[in-house]
All heavy atoms as atom14 arrays in JSON, in Angstrom:
{
  "sequence": "SYGLLESIEEIIALARQSGARCHVSHLKASGYSNWGKVGDALAL",
  "atom14_mask": [
    [1, 1, 1, 1, 1, 1, 0, 0, 0, 0, 0, 0, 0, 0],
    [1, 1, 1, 1, 1, 1, 1, 1, 1, 1, 1, 1, 0, 0],
    [1, 1, 1, 1, 0, 0, 0, 0, 0, 0, 0, 0, 0, 0],
    [1, 1, 1, 1, 1, 1, 1, 1, 0, 0, 0, 0, 0, 0],
    [1, 1, 1, 1, 1, 1, 1, 1, 0, 0, 0, 0, 0, 0],
    [1, 1, 1, 1, 1, 1, 1, 1, 1, 0, 0, 0, 0, 0],
    [1, 1, 1, 1, 1, 1, 0, 0, 0, 0, 0, 0, 0, 0],
    [1, 1, 1, 1, 1, 1, 1, 1, 0, 0, 0, 0, 0, 0],
    [1, 1, 1, 1, 1, 1, 1, 1, 1, 0, 0, 0, 0, 0],
    [1, 1, 1, 1, 1, 1, 1, 1, 1, 0, 0, 0, 0, 0],
    [1, 1, 1, 1, 1, 1, 1, 1, 0, 0, 0, 0, 0, 0],
    [1, 1, 1, 1, 1, 1, 1, 1, 0, 0, 0, 0, 0, 0],
    [1, 1, 1, 1, 1, 0, 0, 0, 0, 0, 0, 0, 0, 0],
    [1, 1, 1, 1, 1, 1, 1, 1, 0, 0, 0, 0, 0, 0],
    [1, 1, 1, 1, 1, 0, 0, 0, 0, 0, 0, 0, 0, 0],
    [1, 1, 1, 1, 1, 1, 1, 1, 1, 1, 1, 0, 0, 0],
    [1, 1, 1, 1, 1, 1, 1, 1, 1, 0, 0, 0, 0, 0],
    [1, 1, 1, 1, 1, 1, 0, 0, 0, 0, 0, 0, 0, 0],
    [1, 1, 1, 1, 0, 0, 0, 0, 0, 0, 0, 0, 0, 0],
    [1, 1, 1, 1, 1, 0, 0, 0, 0, 0, 0, 0, 0, 0],
    [1, 1, 1, 1, 1, 1, 1, 1, 1, 1, 1, 0, 0, 0],
    [1, 1, 1, 1, 1, 1, 0, 0, 0, 0, 0, 0, 0, 0],
    [1, 1, 1, 1, 1, 1, 1, 1, 1, 1, 0, 0, 0, 0],
    [1, 1, 1, 1, 1, 1, 1, 0, 0, 0, 0, 0, 0, 0],
    [1, 1, 1, 1, 1, 1, 0, 0, 0, 0, 0, 0, 0, 0],
    [1, 1, 1, 1, 1, 1, 1, 1, 1, 1, 0, 0, 0, 0],
    [1, 1, 1, 1, 1, 1, 1, 1, 0, 0, 0, 0, 0, 0],
    [1, 1, 1, 1, 1, 1, 1, 1, 1, 0, 0, 0, 0, 0],
    [1, 1, 1, 1, 1, 0, 0, 0, 0, 0, 0, 0, 0, 0],
    [1, 1, 1, 1, 1, 1, 0, 0, 0, 0, 0, 0, 0, 0],
    [1, 1, 1, 1, 0, 0, 0, 0, 0, 0, 0, 0, 0, 0],
    [1, 1, 1, 1, 1, 1, 1, 1, 1, 1, 1, 1, 0, 0],
    [1, 1, 1, 1, 1, 1, 0, 0, 0, 0, 0, 0, 0, 0],
    [1, 1, 1, 1, 1, 1, 1, 1, 0, 0, 0, 0, 0, 0],
    [1, 1, 1, 1, 1, 1, 1, 1, 1, 1, 1, 1, 1, 1],
    [1, 1, 1, 1, 0, 0, 0, 0, 0, 0, 0, 0, 0, 0],
    [1, 1, 1, 1, 1, 1, 1, 1, 1, 0, 0, 0, 0, 0],
    [1, 1, 1, 1, 1, 1, 1, 0, 0, 0, 0, 0, 0, 0],
    [1, 1, 1, 1, 0, 0, 0, 0, 0, 0, 0, 0, 0, 0],
    [1, 1, 1, 1, 1, 1, 1, 1, 0, 0, 0, 0, 0, 0],
    [1, 1, 1, 1, 1, 0, 0, 0, 0, 0, 0, 0, 0, 0],
    [1, 1, 1, 1, 1, 1, 1, 1, 0, 0, 0, 0, 0, 0],
    [1, 1, 1, 1, 1, 0, 0, 0, 0, 0, 0, 0, 0, 0],
    [1, 1, 1, 1, 1, 1, 1, 1, 0, 0, 0, 0, 0, 0]
  ],
  "atom14_positions": [
    [[3.21, 8.09, -7.51], [1.82, 7.65, -7.7], [1.78, 6.13, -7.75], [2.08, 5.47, -6.75], [1.21, 8.3, -8.93], [1.94, 7.99, -10.1], [0.0, 0.0, 0.0], [0.0, 0.0, 0.0], [0.0, 0.0, 0.0], [0.0, 0.0, 0.0], [0.0, 0.0, 0.0], [0.0, 0.0, 0.0], [0.0, 0.0, 0.0], [0.0, 0.0, 0.0]],
    [[1.47, 5.55, -8.92], [1.33, 4.1, -8.98], [2.66, 3.39, -8.75], [2.7, 2.24, -8.33], [0.74, 3.68, -10.34], [1.71, 3.82, -11.49], [2.58, 2.8, -11.83], [1.77, 5.0, -12.23], [3.48, 2.93, -12.87], [2.65, 5.14, -13.27], [3.51, 4.11, -13.59], [4.4, 4.25, -14.61], [0.0, 0.0, 0.0], [0.0, 0.0, 0.0]],
    [[3.79, 4.08, -9.01], [5.11, 3.49, -8.81], [5.79, 3.93, -7.53], [7.01, 3.81, -7.41], [0.0, 0.0, 0.0], [0.0, 0.0, 0.0], [0.0, 0.0, 0.0], [0.0, 0.0, 0.0], [0.0, 0.0, 0.0], [0.0, 0.0, 0.0], [0.0, 0.0, 0.0], [0.0, 0.0, 0.0], [0.0, 0.0, 0.0], [0.0, 0.0, 0.0]],
    [[5.01, 4.4, -6.55], [5.6, 4.9, -5.31], [6.46, 3.86, -4.62], [7.61, 4.13, -4.24], [4.49, 5.37, -4.36], [4.91, 5.72, -2.93], [5.9, 6.88, -2.93], [3.7, 6.03, -2.06], [0.0, 0.0, 0.0], [0.0, 0.0, 0.0], [0.0, 0.0, 0.0], [0.0, 0.0, 0.0], [0.0, 0.0, 0.0], [0.0, 0.0, 0.0]],
    [[5.95, 2.66, -4.45], [6.69, 1.66, -3.68], [7.95, 1.22, -4.41], [9.0, 1.01, -3.78], [5.79, 0.46, -3.37], [4.52, 0.8, -2.57], [3.75, -0.47, -2.23], [4.85, 1.59, -1.3], [0.0, 0.0, 0.0], [0.0, 0.0, 0.0], [0.0, 0.0, 0.0], [0.0, 0.0, 0.0], [0.0, 0.0, 0.0], [0.0, 0.0, 0.0]],
    [[7.88, 1.12, -5.73], [9.07, 0.78, -6.5], [10.12, 1.89, -6.38], [11.33, 1.61, -6.32], [8.71, 0.55, -7.97], [7.88, -0.7, -8.23], [6.4, -0.52, -7.94], [5.99, 0.6, -7.53], [5.64, -1.5, -8.1], [0.0, 0.0, 0.0], [0.0, 0.0, 0.0], [0.0, 0.0, 0.0], [0.0, 0.0, 0.0], [0.0, 0.0, 0.0]],
    [[9.67, 3.14, -6.33], [10.61, 4.25, -6.18], [11.25, 4.24, -4.79], [12.44, 4.55, -4.65], [9.89, 5.58, -6.42], [9.45, 5.66, -7.76], [0.0, 0.0, 0.0], [0.0, 0.0, 0.0], [0.0, 0.0, 0.0], [0.0, 0.0, 0.0], [0.0, 0.0, 0.0], [0.0, 0.0, 0.0], [0.0, 0.0, 0.0], [0.0, 0.0, 0.0]],
    [[10.46, 3.91, -3.78], [11.01, 3.76, -2.44], [12.07, 2.66, -2.43], [13.16, 2.81, -1.84], [9.89, 3.43, -1.42], [8.96, 4.63, -1.23], [10.49, 2.98, -0.08], [9.52, 5.76, -0.43], [0.0, 0.0, 0.0], [0.0, 0.0, 0.0], [0.0, 0.0, 0.0], [0.0, 0.0, 0.0], [0.0, 0.0, 0.0], [0.0, 0.0, 0.0]],
    [[11.77, 1.57, -3.11], [12.73, 0.46, -3.16], [14.02, 0.87, -3.86], [15.11, 0.43, -3.49], [12.09, -0.75, -3.85], [11.02, -1.42, -2.97], [10.19, -2.44, -3.72], [10.26, -2.47, -4.97], [9.47, -3.21, -3.06], [0.0, 0.0, 0.0], [0.0, 0.0, 0.0], [0.0, 0.0, 0.0], [0.0, 0.0, 0.0], [0.0, 0.0, 0.0]],
    [[13.91, 1.75, -4.88], [15.12, 2.19, -5.56], [15.99, 3.03, -4.63], [17.22, 2.84, -4.59], [14.79, 3.01, -6.81], [16.05, 3.46, -7.55], [15.79, 4.33, -8.76], [14.94, 5.25, -8.67], [16.45, 4.11, -9.79], [0.0, 0.0, 0.0], [0.0, 0.0, 0.0], [0.0, 0.0, 0.0], [0.0, 0.0, 0.0], [0.0, 0.0, 0.0]],
    [[15.4, 3.94, -3.88], [16.23, 4.77, -3.0], [16.82, 3.93, -1.87], [17.95, 4.15, -1.44], [15.44, 5.98, -2.47], [16.41, 7.02, -1.89], [14.42, 5.61, -1.42], [15.77, 8.35, -1.55], [0.0, 0.0, 0.0], [0.0, 0.0, 0.0], [0.0, 0.0, 0.0], [0.0, 0.0, 0.0], [0.0, 0.0, 0.0], [0.0, 0.0, 0.0]],
    [[16.1, 2.91, -1.42], [16.65, 2.0, -0.42], [17.83, 1.23, -1.01], [18.88, 1.06, -0.37], [15.57, 1.04, 0.09], [14.56, 1.81, 0.96], [16.18, -0.11, 0.89], [13.34, 0.99, 1.36], [0.0, 0.0, 0.0], [0.0, 0.0, 0.0], [0.0, 0.0, 0.0], [0.0, 0.0, 0.0], [0.0, 0.0, 0.0], [0.0, 0.0, 0.0]],
    [[17.7, 0.78, -2.27], [18.8, 0.07, -2.93], [20.01, 0.97, -3.11], [21.16, 0.53, -2.95], [18.33, -0.48, -4.28], [0.0, 0.0, 0.0], [0.0, 0.0, 0.0], [0.0, 0.0, 0.0], [0.0, 0.0, 0.0], [0.0, 0.0, 0.0], [0.0, 0.0, 0.0], [0.0, 0.0, 0.0], [0.0, 0.0, 0.0], [0.0, 0.0, 0.0]],
    [[19.77, 2.25, -3.43], [20.88, 3.2, -3.54], [21.58, 3.38, -2.19], [22.81, 3.44, -2.12], [20.37, 4.54, -4.06], [20.04, 4.61, -5.54], [19.26, 5.87, -5.86], [21.31, 4.53, -6.39], [0.0, 0.0, 0.0], [0.0, 0.0, 0.0], [0.0, 0.0, 0.0], [0.0, 0.0, 0.0], [0.0, 0.0, 0.0], [0.0, 0.0, 0.0]],
    [[20.78, 3.48, -1.12], [21.37, 3.61, 0.22], [22.19, 2.38, 0.57], [23.29, 2.47, 1.12], [20.27, 3.83, 1.25], [0.0, 0.0, 0.0], [0.0, 0.0, 0.0], [0.0, 0.0, 0.0], [0.0, 0.0, 0.0], [0.0, 0.0, 0.0], [0.0, 0.0, 0.0], [0.0, 0.0, 0.0], [0.0, 0.0, 0.0], [0.0, 0.0, 0.0]],
    [[21.65, 1.21, 0.22], [22.34, -0.04, 0.56], [23.65, -0.18, -0.21], [24.67, -0.59, 0.34], [21.42, -1.22, 0.26], [21.85, -2.53, 0.93], [20.87, -3.65, 0.62], [19.5, -3.34, 0.98], [19.0, -3.44, 2.2], [19.78, -3.86, 3.2], [17.74, -3.16, 2.44], [0.0, 0.0, 0.0], [0.0, 0.0, 0.0], [0.0, 0.0, 0.0]],
    [[23.62, 0.17, -1.5], [24.82, -0.01, -2.33], [25.88, 1.03, -2.04], [27.08, 0.71, -2.01], [24.44, 0.04, -3.81], [25.64, -0.11, -4.75], [25.23, -0.46, -6.16], [24.32, -1.26, -6.38], [25.91, 0.12, -7.14], [0.0, 0.0, 0.0], [0.0, 0.0, 0.0], [0.0, 0.0, 0.0], [0.0, 0.0, 0.0], [0.0, 0.0, 0.0]],
    [[25.46, 2.28, -1.83], [26.44, 3.37, -1.69], [26.83, 3.68, -0.26], [27.88, 4.26, -0.01], [25.87, 4.64, -2.32], [24.77, 5.13, -1.56], [0.0, 0.0, 0.0], [0.0, 0.0, 0.0], [0.0, 0.0, 0.0], [0.0, 0.0, 0.0], [0.0, 0.0, 0.0], [0.0, 0.0, 0.0], [0.0, 0.0, 0.0], [0.0, 0.0, 0.0]],
    [[25.96, 3.31, 0.69], [26.2, 3.68, 2.07], [25.88, 5.13, 2.38], [26.17, 5.62, 3.48], [0.0, 0.0, 0.0], [0.0, 0.0, 0.0], [0.0, 0.0, 0.0], [0.0, 0.0, 0.0], [0.0, 0.0, 0.0], [0.0, 0.0, 0.0], [0.0, 0.0, 0.0], [0.0, 0.0, 0.0], [0.0, 0.0, 0.0], [0.0, 0.0, 0.0]],
    [[25.27, 5.84, 1.42], [24.99, 7.26, 1.59], [23.8, 7.48, 2.51], [22.93, 6.62, 2.66], [24.72, 7.9, 0.22], [0.0, 0.0, 0.0], [0.0, 0.0, 0.0], [0.0, 0.0, 0.0], [0.0, 0.0, 0.0], [0.0, 0.0, 0.0], [0.0, 0.0, 0.0], [0.0, 0.0, 0.0], [0.0, 0.0, 0.0], [0.0, 0.0, 0.0]],
    [[23.77, 8.65, 3.12], [22.6, 9.11, 3.86], [21.56, 9.54, 2.83], [21.8, 10.45, 2.03], [22.96, 10.3, 4.76], [23.97, 9.97, 5.83], [24.58, 11.23, 6.42], [23.64, 11.99, 7.22], [23.36, 11.74, 8.5], [23.96, 10.73, 9.12], [22.51, 12.49, 9.17], [0.0, 0.0, 0.0], [0.0, 0.0, 0.0], [0.0, 0.0, 0.0]],
    [[20.4, 8.91, 2.84], [19.39, 9.13, 1.8], [18.12, 9.7, 2.42], [17.67, 9.25, 3.48], [19.08, 7.84, 1.06], [20.46, 7.24, 0.06], [0.0, 0.0, 0.0], [0.0, 0.0, 0.0], [0.0, 0.0, 0.0], [0.0, 0.0, 0.0], [0.0, 0.0, 0.0], [0.0, 0.0, 0.0], [0.0, 0.0, 0.0], [0.0, 0.0, 0.0]],
    [[17.54, 10.64, 1.72], [16.37, 11.35, 2.22], [15.29, 11.39, 1.15], [15.55, 11.8, 0.01], [16.77, 12.78, 2.6], [15.68, 13.55, 3.26], [15.42, 13.48, 4.62], [14.75, 14.41, 2.77], [14.41, 14.26, 4.92], [13.97, 14.84, 3.81], [0.0, 0.0, 0.0], [0.0, 0.0, 0.0], [0.0, 0.0, 0.0], [0.0, 0.0, 0.0]],
    [[14.08, 10.94, 1.51], [12.93, 10.97, 0.6], [12.26, 12.33, 0.72], [11.73, 12.69, 1.78], [11.94, 9.85, 0.93], [10.69, 9.95, 0.05], [12.6, 8.48, 0.78], [0.0, 0.0, 0.0], [0.0, 0.0, 0.0], [0.0, 0.0, 0.0], [0.0, 0.0, 0.0], [0.0, 0.0, 0.0], [0.0, 0.0, 0.0], [0.0, 0.0, 0.0]],
    [[12.29, 13.09, -0.36], [11.66, 14.4, -0.36], [10.15, 14.28, -0.52], [9.66, 13.44, -1.26], [12.23, 15.25, -1.51], [13.6, 15.51, -1.32], [0.0, 0.0, 0.0], [0.0, 0.0, 0.0], [0.0, 0.0, 0.0], [0.0, 0.0, 0.0], [0.0, 0.0, 0.0], [0.0, 0.0, 0.0], [0.0, 0.0, 0.0], [0.0, 0.0, 0.0]],
    [[9.43, 15.14, 0.2], [7.96, 15.26, 0.14], [7.25, 13.93, -0.14], [6.6, 13.76, -1.17], [7.53, 16.34, -0.85], [8.26, 16.35, -2.16], [8.28, 15.29, -3.03], [8.98, 17.34, -2.74], [8.98, 15.61, -4.09], [9.42, 16.85, -3.94], [0.0, 0.0, 0.0], [0.0, 0.0, 0.0], [0.0, 0.0, 0.0], [0.0, 0.0, 0.0]],
    [[7.38, 13.01, 0.8], [6.71, 11.71, 0.68], [5.22, 11.91, 0.49], [4.57, 12.64, 1.25], [6.99, 10.88, 1.94], [6.3, 9.52, 2.01], [6.8, 8.6, 0.91], [6.51, 8.89, 3.38], [0.0, 0.0, 0.0], [0.0, 0.0, 0.0], [0.0, 0.0, 0.0], [0.0, 0.0, 0.0], [0.0, 0.0, 0.0], [0.0, 0.0, 0.0]],
    [[4.66, 11.25, -0.52], [3.23, 11.38, -0.81], [2.77, 10.2, -1.63], [3.58, 9.45, -2.2], [2.96, 12.67, -1.56], [3.57, 12.72, -2.95], [3.14, 13.92, -3.77], [3.78, 15.21, -3.35], [5.2, 15.3, -3.79], [0.0, 0.0, 0.0], [0.0, 0.0, 0.0], [0.0, 0.0, 0.0], [0.0, 0.0, 0.0], [0.0, 0.0, 0.0]],
    [[1.44, 10.04, -1.73], [0.82, 9.1, -2.67], [-0.12, 9.93, -3.53], [-1.19, 10.34, -3.08], [0.08, 8.0, -1.93], [0.0, 0.0, 0.0], [0.0, 0.0, 0.0], [0.0, 0.0, 0.0], [0.0, 0.0, 0.0], [0.0, 0.0, 0.0], [0.0, 0.0, 0.0], [0.0, 0.0, 0.0], [0.0, 0.0, 0.0], [0.0, 0.0, 0.0]],
    [[0.29, 10.19, -4.75], [-0.44, 11.09, -5.63], [-1.41, 10.32, -6.52], [-1.06, 9.29, -7.08], [0.56, 11.87, -6.5], [-0.09, 12.83, -7.29], [0.0, 0.0, 0.0], [0.0, 0.0, 0.0], [0.0, 0.0, 0.0], [0.0, 0.0, 0.0], [0.0, 0.0, 0.0], [0.0, 0.0, 0.0], [0.0, 0.0, 0.0], [0.0, 0.0, 0.0]],
    [[-2.62, 10.85, -6.64], [-3.63, 10.2, -7.47], [-4.57, 9.36, -6.63], [-4.15, 8.59, -5.76], [0.0, 0.0, 0.0], [0.0, 0.0, 0.0], [0.0, 0.0, 0.0], [0.0, 0.0, 0.0], [0.0, 0.0, 0.0], [0.0, 0.0, 0.0], [0.0, 0.0, 0.0], [0.0, 0.0, 0.0], [0.0, 0.0, 0.0], [0.0, 0.0, 0.0]],
    [[-5.86, 9.49, -6.92], [-6.89, 8.87, -6.08], [-6.68, 7.37, -5.88], [-6.88, 6.83, -4.79], [-8.28, 9.12, -6.68], [-8.52, 10.55, -7.09], [-8.96, 10.87, -8.38], [-8.28, 11.61, -6.21], [-9.16, 12.19, -8.76], [-8.48, 12.93, -6.59], [-8.93, 13.21, -7.87], [-9.12, 14.51, -8.26], [0.0, 0.0, 0.0], [0.0, 0.0, 0.0]],
    [[-6.28, 6.67, -6.95], [-6.14, 5.21, -6.85], [-4.97, 4.79, -5.98], [-4.85, 3.6, -5.65], [-5.99, 4.61, -8.26], [-4.8, 5.08, -8.87], [0.0, 0.0, 0.0], [0.0, 0.0, 0.0], [0.0, 0.0, 0.0], [0.0, 0.0, 0.0], [0.0, 0.0, 0.0], [0.0, 0.0, 0.0], [0.0, 0.0, 0.0], [0.0, 0.0, 0.0]],
    [[-4.12, 5.75, -5.6], [-2.93, 5.41, -4.8], [-3.05, 5.83, -3.34], [-2.12, 5.6, -2.56], [-1.7, 6.08, -5.42], [-1.5, 5.65, -6.85], [-1.32, 4.47, -7.13], [-1.54, 6.6, -7.77], [0.0, 0.0, 0.0], [0.0, 0.0, 0.0], [0.0, 0.0, 0.0], [0.0, 0.0, 0.0], [0.0, 0.0, 0.0], [0.0, 0.0, 0.0]],
    [[-4.17, 6.45, -2.98], [-4.32, 6.88, -1.6], [-4.2, 5.68, -0.66], [-4.74, 4.6, -0.92], [-5.67, 7.56, -1.42], [-5.72, 8.92, -2.09], [-4.73, 9.53, -2.8], [-6.83, 9.82, -2.11], [-5.15, 10.76, -3.25], [-6.43, 10.97, -2.85], [-8.12, 9.78, -1.58], [-7.27, 12.05, -3.06], [-8.96, 10.86, -1.79], [-8.54, 11.98, -2.52]],
    [[-3.49, 5.89, 0.42], [-3.25, 4.84, 1.4], [-1.89, 4.19, 1.28], [-1.44, 3.5, 2.2], [0.0, 0.0, 0.0], [0.0, 0.0, 0.0], [0.0, 0.0, 0.0], [0.0, 0.0, 0.0], [0.0, 0.0, 0.0], [0.0, 0.0, 0.0], [0.0, 0.0, 0.0], [0.0, 0.0, 0.0], [0.0, 0.0, 0.0], [0.0, 0.0, 0.0]],
    [[-1.19, 4.42, 0.15], [0.1, 3.77, -0.06], [1.22, 4.35, 0.8], [2.28, 3.73, 0.91], [0.5, 3.86, -1.53], [-0.26, 2.91, -2.45], [0.31, 2.97, -3.86], [-0.42, 2.0, -4.78], [0.12, 2.09, -6.16], [0.0, 0.0, 0.0], [0.0, 0.0, 0.0], [0.0, 0.0, 0.0], [0.0, 0.0, 0.0], [0.0, 0.0, 0.0]],
    [[1.0, 5.53, 1.39], [2.05, 6.11, 2.24], [2.36, 5.17, 3.41], [3.51, 5.03, 3.81], [1.64, 7.51, 2.73], [2.51, 7.97, 3.9], [1.75, 8.52, 1.59], [0.0, 0.0, 0.0], [0.0, 0.0, 0.0], [0.0, 0.0, 0.0], [0.0, 0.0, 0.0], [0.0, 0.0, 0.0], [0.0, 0.0, 0.0], [0.0, 0.0, 0.0]],
    [[1.34, 4.5, 3.94], [1.58, 3.55, 5.01], [2.5, 2.42, 4.57], [3.41, 2.0, 5.31], [0.0, 0.0, 0.0], [0.0, 0.0, 0.0], [0.0, 0.0, 0.0], [0.0, 0.0, 0.0], [0.0, 0.0, 0.0], [0.0, 0.0, 0.0], [0.0, 0.0, 0.0], [0.0, 0.0, 0.0], [0.0, 0.0, 0.0], [0.0, 0.0, 0.0]],
    [[2.3, 1.91, 3.35], [3.17, 0.86, 2.82], [4.59, 1.39, 2.59], [5.57, 0.68, 2.84], [2.6, 0.32, 1.51], [1.24, -0.34, 1.69], [1.0, -0.92, 2.77], [0.42, -0.26, 0.76], [0.0, 0.0, 0.0], [0.0, 0.0, 0.0], [0.0, 0.0, 0.0], [0.0, 0.0, 0.0], [0.0, 0.0, 0.0], [0.0, 0.0, 0.0]],
    [[4.68, 2.63, 2.11], [6.0, 3.24, 1.9], [6.75, 3.38, 3.21], [7.95, 3.1, 3.3], [5.84, 4.59, 1.22], [0.0, 0.0, 0.0], [0.0, 0.0, 0.0], [0.0, 0.0, 0.0], [0.0, 0.0, 0.0], [0.0, 0.0, 0.0], [0.0, 0.0, 0.0], [0.0, 0.0, 0.0], [0.0, 0.0, 0.0], [0.0, 0.0, 0.0]],
    [[6.04, 3.82, 4.24], [6.68, 3.98, 5.55], [7.15, 2.64, 6.11], [8.2, 2.55, 6.75], [5.71, 4.65, 6.53], [5.43, 6.13, 6.25], [4.22, 6.59, 7.06], [6.64, 6.99, 6.57], [0.0, 0.0, 0.0], [0.0, 0.0, 0.0], [0.0, 0.0, 0.0], [0.0, 0.0, 0.0], [0.0, 0.0, 0.0], [0.0, 0.0, 0.0]],
    [[6.38, 1.58, 5.84], [6.77, 0.25, 6.3], [8.08, -0.17, 5.64], [8.97, -0.74, 6.3], [5.67, -0.76, 6.01], [0.0, 0.0, 0.0], [0.0, 0.0, 0.0], [0.0, 0.0, 0.0], [0.0, 0.0, 0.0], [0.0, 0.0, 0.0], [0.0, 0.0, 0.0], [0.0, 0.0, 0.0], [0.0, 0.0, 0.0], [0.0, 0.0, 0.0]],
    [[8.23, 0.12, 4.34], [9.48, -0.2, 3.65], [10.64, 0.61, 4.24], [11.73, 0.07, 4.46], [9.35, 0.1, 2.16], [8.47, -0.84, 1.34], [8.28, -0.29, -0.08], [9.07, -2.24, 1.28], [0.0, 0.0, 0.0], [0.0, 0.0, 0.0], [0.0, 0.0, 0.0], [0.0, 0.0, 0.0], [0.0, 0.0, 0.0], [0.0, 0.0, 0.0]]
  ]
}
């Protein structure tokens, strides 16, 4: 929800540090005030 982009950044940091294949499960922006953030998440 409000922390979607920060959570995306954490999984990217995990991928960068570990070299692991990382997969974001059920990507979404939950909660009315967060609608539209999926585009920003995809950009990251």
